[in-house]
Amino acid sequence: MDLTSIFSSLESTAVIGAVIAGLVLPAALTILMIVSWWIIYDKMGEKGWKCLIPFYGRYTLFACVWEGKIYFISLLITALSVVLSAYGAVVLSFSMIMPFLAEFADVSMIASFIPASGGVGIILFSSIFSFAAWLVQMILNWRMVKCFGYGIGFFLGITFLPMIFYPVLAFGNAYFDYY
């Protein structure tokens, strides 16, 4: 066996490992999470397929463990956070490259859209909305964990290791009881 065939064998093994790591593992984890959420929805007394529909599934989750109205507030907070972050990033970028652009073109029209803070204030303001969206998610996690009869340890697990704790919640013997 020569050195070329050994390297060829190692390369094919590396490619197979990369395919498994890059395609098969994420697909398997995605399927696990979909099945877990399906079972969690069933335990909450809802149809499992509702977890597959993005906005409706999330609304259903809010309605089961909190209130449906809170979902729309959460959606508005998240949308404002995303829009303000994007606008702030664009404004900040333009305020940084404006001196360079001014050498080549008239930038007075673009400059009229840039606030004096250069976008930093907008990004800081969007951070408040991002924090509010995070806070709503934490409260939702806490309420869901309490509805299934778990405490602070499971809340921390759901928050920081959801790929482990959602299947535990789904396949465990916990039952849903709105508190």
Foldseek 3Di string as FASTA:
>chain_A
DDPVVVVVVVVVVVVVVCCCVPPVVVVVLVVLLLVLQLLLCVLLVHHSCQCVDPLSVVLVLCVSQNNSVVSVVLVVLVVLLVVLQVVLVVQLVCVVCVVVVVVPDDCPVVVVPRDPVSSPVSNVVSVVSVVVSVVVVLVSLQSSCVQQPHDDVLSVCCVPPVSPSSSCSRPPPTGGHHD
